[in-house]
Amino acid sequence: MATTPERELAAVSCPHCERETAVSIPNTDVELEVRRSVALFGDHATVACPDGHAFWVYFC
C-alpha cells in the first residue's frame, strides 16, 4: 500500500468573503500570498473557501 507524505496545513482568509480556509503547504518555511487571480508562474495551490469562492495561494 502506497503512502503519501504528510503536508502541513495553514489557515488563510478568502479574499472575497474573509472566511478562514485551510490550505496544504509544501513546508513551513514558505511565505503565503493570497490572490484573487492566477499568475503566469510560481508554485501555487488553487483553493475554494466554504462559500465556494475560488482563489490562489502562492508559496514564496
N, C-alpha and C. Protein backbone atom coordinates (compact mmCIF):
# COMPACT_ATOMS: atom_id res chain seq x y z
N MET A 1 0.84 -1.17 0.00
CA MET A 1 0.00 0.00 0.00
C MET A 1 0.89 1.24 0.00
N ALA A 2 0.64 2.14 -0.91
CA ALA A 2 1.44 3.36 -1.03
C ALA A 2 1.01 4.39 0.02
N THR A 3 1.99 5.09 0.52
CA THR A 3 1.68 6.16 1.46
C THR A 3 2.06 7.49 0.84
N THR A 4 1.36 8.52 1.23
CA THR A 4 1.69 9.85 0.74
C THR A 4 2.32 10.64 1.87
N PRO A 5 3.30 11.46 1.56
CA PRO A 5 3.94 12.24 2.62
C PRO A 5 2.95 13.23 3.22
N GLU A 6 3.05 13.42 4.53
CA GLU A 6 2.18 14.37 5.19
C GLU A 6 2.64 15.78 4.88
N ARG A 7 1.69 16.66 4.62
CA ARG A 7 1.99 18.06 4.36
C ARG A 7 1.37 18.90 5.46
N GLU A 8 2.00 20.01 5.72
CA GLU A 8 1.49 20.94 6.73
C GLU A 8 0.26 21.67 6.20
N LEU A 9 -0.60 22.09 7.11
CA LEU A 9 -1.75 22.91 6.76
C LEU A 9 -1.59 24.29 7.36
N ALA A 10 -2.06 25.28 6.63
CA ALA A 10 -2.05 26.66 7.12
C ALA A 10 -3.43 27.24 6.87
N ALA A 11 -3.82 28.21 7.67
CA ALA A 11 -5.10 28.88 7.51
C ALA A 11 -4.88 30.21 6.79
N VAL A 12 -5.69 30.46 5.77
CA VAL A 12 -5.66 31.74 5.05
C VAL A 12 -7.09 32.28 4.98
N SER A 13 -7.21 33.57 4.78
CA SER A 13 -8.53 34.20 4.64
C SER A 13 -8.88 34.34 3.17
N CYS A 14 -10.11 34.02 2.84
CA CYS A 14 -10.59 34.18 1.47
C CYS A 14 -10.59 35.67 1.12
N PRO A 15 -10.04 36.05 -0.04
CA PRO A 15 -10.02 37.47 -0.40
C PRO A 15 -11.39 38.02 -0.79
N HIS A 16 -12.37 37.14 -0.98
CA HIS A 16 -13.72 37.56 -1.37
C HIS A 16 -14.62 37.79 -0.16
N CYS A 17 -14.57 36.86 0.81
CA CYS A 17 -15.51 36.93 1.94
C CYS A 17 -14.83 36.89 3.31
N GLU A 18 -13.49 36.74 3.33
CA GLU A 18 -12.70 36.72 4.57
C GLU A 18 -12.90 35.46 5.42
N ARG A 19 -13.58 34.43 4.91
CA ARG A 19 -13.73 33.19 5.68
C ARG A 19 -12.41 32.45 5.70
N GLU A 20 -12.07 31.90 6.85
CA GLU A 20 -10.82 31.16 7.01
C GLU A 20 -10.91 29.83 6.26
N THR A 21 -9.83 29.50 5.56
CA THR A 21 -9.77 28.30 4.74
C THR A 21 -8.42 27.63 4.95
N ALA A 22 -8.41 26.31 5.05
CA ALA A 22 -7.17 25.56 5.22
C ALA A 22 -6.55 25.28 3.85
N VAL A 23 -5.24 25.41 3.78
CA VAL A 23 -4.51 25.12 2.55
C VAL A 23 -3.28 24.28 2.91
N SER A 24 -2.99 23.29 2.07
CA SER A 24 -1.82 22.44 2.26
C SER A 24 -0.60 23.17 1.73
N ILE A 25 0.46 23.24 2.56
CA ILE A 25 1.67 23.95 2.15
C ILE A 25 2.83 22.96 2.02
N PRO A 26 3.78 23.22 1.11
CA PRO A 26 4.88 22.28 0.89
C PRO A 26 5.83 22.16 2.08
N ASN A 27 6.05 23.25 2.82
CA ASN A 27 6.87 23.21 4.03
C ASN A 27 6.58 24.46 4.86
N THR A 28 7.04 24.46 6.08
CA THR A 28 6.72 25.56 6.99
C THR A 28 7.57 26.81 6.77
N ASP A 29 8.56 26.73 5.89
CA ASP A 29 9.45 27.87 5.64
C ASP A 29 8.94 28.82 4.56
N VAL A 30 7.81 28.53 3.94
CA VAL A 30 7.31 29.38 2.86
C VAL A 30 6.45 30.51 3.40
N GLU A 31 6.44 31.61 2.66
CA GLU A 31 5.51 32.70 2.93
C GLU A 31 4.32 32.52 1.99
N LEU A 32 3.12 32.78 2.49
CA LEU A 32 1.92 32.60 1.69
C LEU A 32 1.44 33.95 1.17
N GLU A 33 1.07 33.97 -0.10
CA GLU A 33 0.50 35.17 -0.71
C GLU A 33 -0.82 34.77 -1.35
N VAL A 34 -1.91 35.40 -0.92
CA VAL A 34 -3.25 35.08 -1.42
C VAL A 34 -3.60 36.06 -2.54
N ARG A 35 -4.14 35.51 -3.64
CA ARG A 35 -4.53 36.35 -4.78
C ARG A 35 -5.89 35.91 -5.31
N ARG A 36 -6.61 36.87 -5.87
CA ARG A 36 -7.90 36.58 -6.49
C ARG A 36 -7.75 36.01 -7.90
N SER A 37 -6.60 36.23 -8.52
CA SER A 37 -6.39 35.76 -9.88
C SER A 37 -5.09 34.98 -9.97
N VAL A 38 -4.99 34.16 -11.00
CA VAL A 38 -3.82 33.31 -11.18
C VAL A 38 -2.72 34.10 -11.87
N ALA A 39 -1.48 33.83 -11.49
CA ALA A 39 -0.32 34.45 -12.12
C ALA A 39 0.22 33.51 -13.20
N LEU A 40 1.11 34.01 -14.01
CA LEU A 40 1.65 33.21 -15.10
C LEU A 40 2.61 32.13 -14.63
N PHE A 41 3.22 32.29 -13.47
CA PHE A 41 4.19 31.31 -13.00
C PHE A 41 4.23 31.33 -11.48
N GLY A 42 4.90 30.34 -10.92
CA GLY A 42 5.08 30.27 -9.47
C GLY A 42 4.40 29.04 -8.89
N ASP A 43 4.96 28.56 -7.80
CA ASP A 43 4.40 27.42 -7.09
C ASP A 43 3.16 27.88 -6.33
N HIS A 44 2.01 27.27 -6.62
CA HIS A 44 0.77 27.73 -6.02
C HIS A 44 -0.23 26.59 -5.84
N ALA A 45 -1.31 26.89 -5.15
CA ALA A 45 -2.42 25.97 -4.99
C ALA A 45 -3.71 26.73 -5.29
N THR A 46 -4.65 26.07 -5.95
CA THR A 46 -5.97 26.64 -6.16
C THR A 46 -6.83 26.20 -4.99
N VAL A 47 -7.51 27.15 -4.35
CA VAL A 47 -8.25 26.90 -3.12
C VAL A 47 -9.68 27.37 -3.30
N ALA A 48 -10.62 26.69 -2.65
CA ALA A 48 -12.01 27.13 -2.60
C ALA A 48 -12.41 27.26 -1.13
N CYS A 49 -13.00 28.39 -0.78
CA CYS A 49 -13.42 28.62 0.60
C CYS A 49 -14.75 27.89 0.85
N PRO A 50 -15.22 27.84 2.09
CA PRO A 50 -16.50 27.17 2.38
C PRO A 50 -17.69 27.77 1.62
N ASP A 51 -17.59 29.03 1.19
CA ASP A 51 -18.67 29.65 0.41
C ASP A 51 -18.53 29.39 -1.09
N GLY A 52 -17.46 28.68 -1.51
CA GLY A 52 -17.29 28.32 -2.91
C GLY A 52 -16.49 29.31 -3.74
N HIS A 53 -15.91 30.33 -3.14
CA HIS A 53 -15.08 31.28 -3.88
C HIS A 53 -13.73 30.64 -4.20
N ALA A 54 -13.30 30.75 -5.45
CA ALA A 54 -12.00 30.21 -5.85
C ALA A 54 -10.95 31.32 -5.76
N PHE A 55 -9.77 30.95 -5.26
CA PHE A 55 -8.65 31.87 -5.22
C PHE A 55 -7.36 31.08 -5.22
N TRP A 56 -6.23 31.76 -5.33
CA TRP A 56 -4.94 31.12 -5.45
C TRP A 56 -4.04 31.52 -4.30
N VAL A 57 -3.29 30.55 -3.81
CA VAL A 57 -2.31 30.80 -2.75
C VAL A 57 -0.94 30.46 -3.32
N TYR A 58 -0.04 31.44 -3.29
CA TYR A 58 1.32 31.27 -3.81
C TYR A 58 2.28 31.04 -2.67
N PHE A 59 3.26 30.16 -2.90
CA PHE A 59 4.27 29.82 -1.91
C PHE A 59 5.56 30.54 -2.28
N CYS A 60 5.94 31.53 -1.51
CA CYS A 60 7.13 32.34 -1.80
C CYS A 60 8.28 31.94 -0.90
